[in-house]
Amino acid sequence: MEERSVILQDLPTTVRGFVFQGEDGEPVIVVNSRLTREQNLRTYDHEQEHIRRNELNDPTYIEYEEE
């Protein structure tokens, strides 16, 4: 598995994490510092899947649609 840049950030507890494209074009994964290590490891794996499926570059992709 490729090594990724990860930021541990204080986020609302409703947000587990997210991924974005850094200035260098590489993905950066942000995980919530308020959550447990186990939750953050699952979030990291989840965000890795988004990267693997190239959803970072898909403008039509919506994970959670607002109601």
N, C-alpha and C. Protein backbone atom coordinates (compact mmCIF):
# COMPACT_ATOMS: atom_id res chain seq x y z
N MET A 1 0.84 -1.17 0.00
CA MET A 1 0.00 0.00 0.00
C MET A 1 0.89 1.24 0.00
N GLU A 2 0.51 2.22 -0.80
CA GLU A 2 1.29 3.44 -0.91
C GLU A 2 1.15 4.30 0.35
N GLU A 3 2.24 4.91 0.76
CA GLU A 3 2.22 5.78 1.93
C GLU A 3 1.55 7.10 1.55
N ARG A 4 0.68 7.58 2.42
CA ARG A 4 -0.07 8.81 2.18
C ARG A 4 0.23 9.84 3.25
N SER A 5 0.05 11.11 2.88
CA SER A 5 0.10 12.18 3.87
C SER A 5 -1.18 12.12 4.68
N VAL A 6 -1.04 12.22 5.99
CA VAL A 6 -2.20 12.16 6.88
C VAL A 6 -2.13 13.33 7.84
N ILE A 7 -3.28 13.95 8.05
CA ILE A 7 -3.40 15.04 9.01
C ILE A 7 -4.38 14.60 10.08
N LEU A 8 -3.99 14.74 11.33
CA LEU A 8 -4.87 14.48 12.46
C LEU A 8 -5.44 15.83 12.86
N GLN A 9 -6.75 16.00 12.67
CA GLN A 9 -7.39 17.31 12.84
C GLN A 9 -8.57 17.21 13.79
N ASP A 10 -8.77 18.22 14.60
CA ASP A 10 -9.91 18.31 15.49
C ASP A 10 -11.13 18.69 14.65
N LEU A 11 -12.03 17.72 14.43
CA LEU A 11 -13.22 17.91 13.60
C LEU A 11 -14.46 17.64 14.45
N PRO A 12 -15.64 18.07 13.98
CA PRO A 12 -16.87 17.67 14.68
C PRO A 12 -16.95 16.14 14.73
N THR A 13 -17.50 15.60 15.78
CA THR A 13 -17.55 14.14 15.92
C THR A 13 -18.42 13.48 14.85
N THR A 14 -19.23 14.25 14.16
CA THR A 14 -20.04 13.70 13.06
C THR A 14 -19.22 13.49 11.79
N VAL A 15 -18.00 14.03 11.77
CA VAL A 15 -17.11 13.89 10.61
C VAL A 15 -15.95 12.98 11.01
N ARG A 16 -15.89 11.82 10.37
CA ARG A 16 -14.80 10.88 10.69
C ARG A 16 -13.51 11.28 9.98
N GLY A 17 -13.64 11.78 8.75
CA GLY A 17 -12.47 12.18 7.99
C GLY A 17 -12.83 12.45 6.55
N PHE A 18 -11.83 12.80 5.78
CA PHE A 18 -12.03 13.07 4.36
C PHE A 18 -10.67 13.04 3.67
N VAL A 19 -10.71 13.11 2.35
CA VAL A 19 -9.48 13.14 1.56
C VAL A 19 -9.58 14.29 0.57
N PHE A 20 -8.45 14.94 0.32
CA PHE A 20 -8.42 16.00 -0.67
C PHE A 20 -7.09 15.93 -1.42
N GLN A 21 -7.04 16.64 -2.53
CA GLN A 21 -5.83 16.66 -3.34
C GLN A 21 -4.96 17.83 -2.88
N GLY A 22 -3.74 17.54 -2.44
CA GLY A 22 -2.83 18.55 -1.98
C GLY A 22 -2.28 19.40 -3.11
N GLU A 23 -1.56 20.43 -2.76
CA GLU A 23 -0.99 21.34 -3.76
C GLU A 23 -0.07 20.63 -4.74
N ASP A 24 0.55 19.54 -4.28
CA ASP A 24 1.45 18.79 -5.15
C ASP A 24 0.70 17.76 -6.00
N GLY A 25 -0.64 17.73 -5.87
CA GLY A 25 -1.45 16.81 -6.65
C GLY A 25 -1.65 15.45 -6.00
N GLU A 26 -0.98 15.24 -4.88
CA GLU A 26 -1.09 13.96 -4.18
C GLU A 26 -2.22 14.01 -3.16
N PRO A 27 -2.88 12.87 -2.92
CA PRO A 27 -3.96 12.84 -1.93
C PRO A 27 -3.46 13.05 -0.51
N VAL A 28 -4.26 13.75 0.28
CA VAL A 28 -3.99 13.96 1.70
C VAL A 28 -5.22 13.49 2.45
N ILE A 29 -5.03 12.61 3.42
CA ILE A 29 -6.13 12.08 4.21
C ILE A 29 -6.17 12.81 5.55
N VAL A 30 -7.36 13.28 5.91
CA VAL A 30 -7.58 13.95 7.19
C VAL A 30 -8.45 13.04 8.04
N VAL A 31 -7.99 12.76 9.28
CA VAL A 31 -8.79 11.95 10.21
C VAL A 31 -9.04 12.77 11.47
N ASN A 32 -10.11 12.44 12.17
CA ASN A 32 -10.59 13.22 13.31
C ASN A 32 -9.84 12.86 14.60
N SER A 33 -9.18 13.84 15.16
CA SER A 33 -8.41 13.62 16.39
C SER A 33 -9.30 13.32 17.60
N ARG A 34 -10.58 13.59 17.49
CA ARG A 34 -11.51 13.33 18.60
C ARG A 34 -11.95 11.87 18.67
N LEU A 35 -11.64 11.10 17.64
CA LEU A 35 -12.07 9.72 17.59
C LEU A 35 -10.95 8.79 18.03
N THR A 36 -11.29 7.53 18.24
CA THR A 36 -10.29 6.56 18.71
C THR A 36 -9.33 6.17 17.59
N ARG A 37 -8.23 5.60 17.98
CA ARG A 37 -7.25 5.10 17.00
C ARG A 37 -7.90 4.09 16.06
N GLU A 38 -8.71 3.19 16.61
CA GLU A 38 -9.37 2.17 15.79
C GLU A 38 -10.32 2.82 14.77
N GLN A 39 -11.08 3.82 15.20
CA GLN A 39 -11.98 4.51 14.29
C GLN A 39 -11.18 5.22 13.19
N ASN A 40 -10.05 5.82 13.57
CA ASN A 40 -9.23 6.52 12.58
C ASN A 40 -8.57 5.56 11.61
N LEU A 41 -8.20 4.38 12.06
CA LEU A 41 -7.64 3.39 11.14
C LEU A 41 -8.70 2.95 10.12
N ARG A 42 -9.94 2.76 10.57
CA ARG A 42 -11.02 2.40 9.65
C ARG A 42 -11.29 3.55 8.67
N THR A 43 -11.26 4.78 9.18
CA THR A 43 -11.46 5.95 8.32
C THR A 43 -10.35 6.04 7.29
N TYR A 44 -9.12 5.83 7.71
CA TYR A 44 -7.98 5.85 6.79
C TYR A 44 -8.18 4.83 5.67
N ASP A 45 -8.56 3.62 6.03
CA ASP A 45 -8.81 2.58 5.02
C ASP A 45 -9.94 2.99 4.08
N HIS A 46 -10.98 3.58 4.64
CA HIS A 46 -12.13 4.05 3.84
C HIS A 46 -11.68 5.10 2.82
N GLU A 47 -10.89 6.06 3.27
CA GLU A 47 -10.41 7.12 2.38
C GLU A 47 -9.45 6.57 1.33
N GLN A 48 -8.65 5.57 1.70
CA GLN A 48 -7.77 4.91 0.74
C GLN A 48 -8.60 4.30 -0.41
N GLU A 49 -9.76 3.76 -0.09
CA GLU A 49 -10.63 3.18 -1.11
C GLU A 49 -11.11 4.25 -2.09
N HIS A 50 -11.43 5.44 -1.58
CA HIS A 50 -11.82 6.54 -2.47
C HIS A 50 -10.68 6.86 -3.43
N ILE A 51 -9.46 6.88 -2.91
CA ILE A 51 -8.30 7.17 -3.75
C ILE A 51 -8.11 6.05 -4.78
N ARG A 52 -8.20 4.81 -4.33
CA ARG A 52 -8.01 3.66 -5.23
C ARG A 52 -9.03 3.67 -6.37
N ARG A 53 -10.27 4.07 -6.06
CA ARG A 53 -11.33 4.10 -7.08
C ARG A 53 -11.33 5.40 -7.88
N ASN A 54 -10.33 6.26 -7.65
CA ASN A 54 -10.17 7.53 -8.35
C ASN A 54 -11.37 8.45 -8.19
N GLU A 55 -12.05 8.35 -7.06
CA GLU A 55 -13.21 9.21 -6.82
C GLU A 55 -12.81 10.64 -6.50
N LEU A 56 -11.56 10.84 -6.15
CA LEU A 56 -11.05 12.18 -5.87
C LEU A 56 -11.14 13.07 -7.12
N ASN A 57 -11.03 12.45 -8.28
CA ASN A 57 -11.05 13.19 -9.54
C ASN A 57 -12.36 13.02 -10.29
N ASP A 58 -13.40 12.55 -9.62
CA ASP A 58 -14.71 12.34 -10.25
C ASP A 58 -15.67 13.41 -9.75
N PRO A 59 -15.94 14.44 -10.56
CA PRO A 59 -16.81 15.54 -10.11
C PRO A 59 -18.26 15.12 -9.88
N THR A 60 -18.65 13.95 -10.35
CA THR A 60 -20.03 13.50 -10.15
C THR A 60 -20.20 12.66 -8.89
N TYR A 61 -19.10 12.31 -8.23
CA TYR A 61 -19.18 11.44 -7.05
C TYR A 61 -19.71 12.22 -5.85
N ILE A 62 -20.72 11.66 -5.20
CA ILE A 62 -21.27 12.22 -3.95
C ILE A 62 -21.43 11.06 -2.98
N GLU A 63 -20.72 11.12 -1.86
CA GLU A 63 -20.84 10.04 -0.88
C GLU A 63 -22.09 10.18 -0.05
N TYR A 64 -22.34 11.39 0.43
CA TYR A 64 -23.52 11.65 1.25
C TYR A 64 -24.29 12.80 0.60
N GLU A 65 -25.50 12.49 0.19
CA GLU A 65 -26.32 13.51 -0.43
C GLU A 65 -27.18 14.18 0.64
N GLU A 66 -27.22 15.51 0.61
CA GLU A 66 -28.03 16.23 1.60
C GLU A 66 -29.50 16.00 1.33
N GLU A 67 -30.26 15.84 2.41
CA GLU A 67 -31.69 15.58 2.27
C GLU A 67 -32.47 16.86 2.25
